[in-house]
Amino acid sequence: MTFRIPRAWARALARRARERGVPKSQLVREALRQYLAVGAEEEKRAALLERLKTYVGVAPLDRAAIEADPFARQIYEHNWRE
């Protein structure tokens, strides 16, 4: 695969590769792997939130339960409506 990047990026890439003592292509592969993994995590999170929409508000929690459980507190704070 061949692609073009701005000269400033190419210089920064070459400098970082020299600093780490690795080929430029390895740095590009690592960056792309990380970028794609983050995208996959965002997709998983979005799918989970979509599945959980059905259950929002189904199980009421009392104030003590919310205060005792950090996860319950996070859900409460995210979903609270005045």
Protein backbone atom coordinates (compact mmCIF):
# COMPACT_ATOMS: atom_id res chain seq x y z
CA MET A 1 0.00 0.00 0.00
CA THR A 2 1.31 3.40 -0.87
CA PHE A 3 0.07 6.73 0.43
CA ARG A 4 1.32 10.28 0.69
CA ILE A 5 1.65 12.34 3.84
CA PRO A 6 2.69 15.96 4.37
CA ARG A 7 6.44 16.57 4.59
CA ALA A 8 6.21 17.69 8.20
CA TRP A 9 4.60 14.36 9.10
CA ALA A 10 7.23 12.45 7.15
CA ARG A 11 10.02 14.26 9.01
CA ALA A 12 8.34 13.64 12.36
CA LEU A 13 7.83 9.97 11.47
CA ALA A 14 11.49 9.57 10.45
CA ARG A 15 12.66 11.30 13.62
CA ARG A 16 10.49 9.11 15.87
CA ALA A 17 11.61 5.96 14.05
CA ARG A 18 15.27 6.91 14.59
CA GLU A 19 14.59 7.64 18.27
CA ARG A 20 13.00 4.24 18.78
CA GLY A 21 15.34 2.40 16.44
CA VAL A 22 12.54 0.88 14.40
CA PRO A 23 11.44 1.14 10.76
CA LYS A 24 8.95 3.86 9.83
CA SER A 25 6.56 1.19 8.56
CA GLN A 26 6.44 -0.36 12.03
CA LEU A 27 5.38 2.97 13.55
CA VAL A 28 2.67 3.37 10.92
CA ARG A 29 1.39 -0.17 11.58
CA GLU A 30 1.33 0.47 15.35
CA ALA A 31 -0.55 3.74 14.90
CA LEU A 32 -3.07 2.18 12.54
CA ARG A 33 -3.59 -0.82 14.84
CA GLN A 34 -4.28 1.50 17.77
CA TYR A 35 -6.61 3.71 15.72
CA LEU A 36 -8.63 0.73 14.53
CA ALA A 37 -8.83 -0.76 18.03
CA VAL A 38 -10.21 2.50 19.41
CA GLY A 39 -12.81 2.59 16.64
CA ALA A 40 -13.82 -0.99 17.40
CA GLU A 41 -14.20 -0.17 21.11
CA GLU A 42 -16.41 2.81 20.27
CA GLU A 43 -18.57 0.59 18.06
CA LYS A 44 -18.89 -2.01 20.84
CA ARG A 45 -19.84 0.69 23.35
CA ALA A 46 -22.46 2.15 20.99
CA ALA A 47 -23.95 -1.30 20.39
CA LEU A 48 -24.09 -1.98 24.14
CA LEU A 49 -25.77 1.36 24.84
CA GLU A 50 -28.32 0.64 22.12
CA ARG A 51 -29.14 -2.75 23.69
CA LEU A 52 -29.44 -1.21 27.15
CA LYS A 53 -31.90 1.53 26.07
CA THR A 54 -34.75 -0.89 26.70
CA TYR A 55 -33.84 -1.16 30.36
CA VAL A 56 -33.39 2.51 31.22
CA GLY A 57 -35.66 3.31 34.15
CA VAL A 58 -36.87 -0.27 34.61
CA ALA A 59 -35.14 -0.97 37.93
CA PRO A 60 -35.52 1.91 40.38
CA LEU A 61 -32.77 2.22 42.98
CA ASP A 62 -33.11 3.83 46.36
CA ARG A 63 -30.73 6.61 47.32
CA ALA A 64 -28.63 4.35 49.60
CA ALA A 65 -28.10 1.82 46.79
CA ILE A 66 -27.05 4.58 44.41
CA GLU A 67 -24.56 6.02 46.90
CA ALA A 68 -23.12 2.58 47.74
CA ASP A 69 -22.51 1.47 44.17
CA PRO A 70 -20.24 3.61 41.94
CA PHE A 71 -21.68 2.02 38.79
CA ALA A 72 -25.25 2.71 39.90
CA ARG A 73 -24.24 6.29 40.77
CA GLN A 74 -22.76 6.75 37.28
CA ILE A 75 -25.93 5.43 35.65
CA TYR A 76 -28.09 7.63 37.84
CA GLU A 77 -26.06 10.76 37.10
CA HIS A 78 -26.07 10.00 33.37
CA ASN A 79 -29.82 9.38 33.19
CA TRP A 80 -31.25 11.79 35.77
CA ARG A 81 -33.86 14.20 34.42
CA GLU A 82 -35.20 17.15 36.42
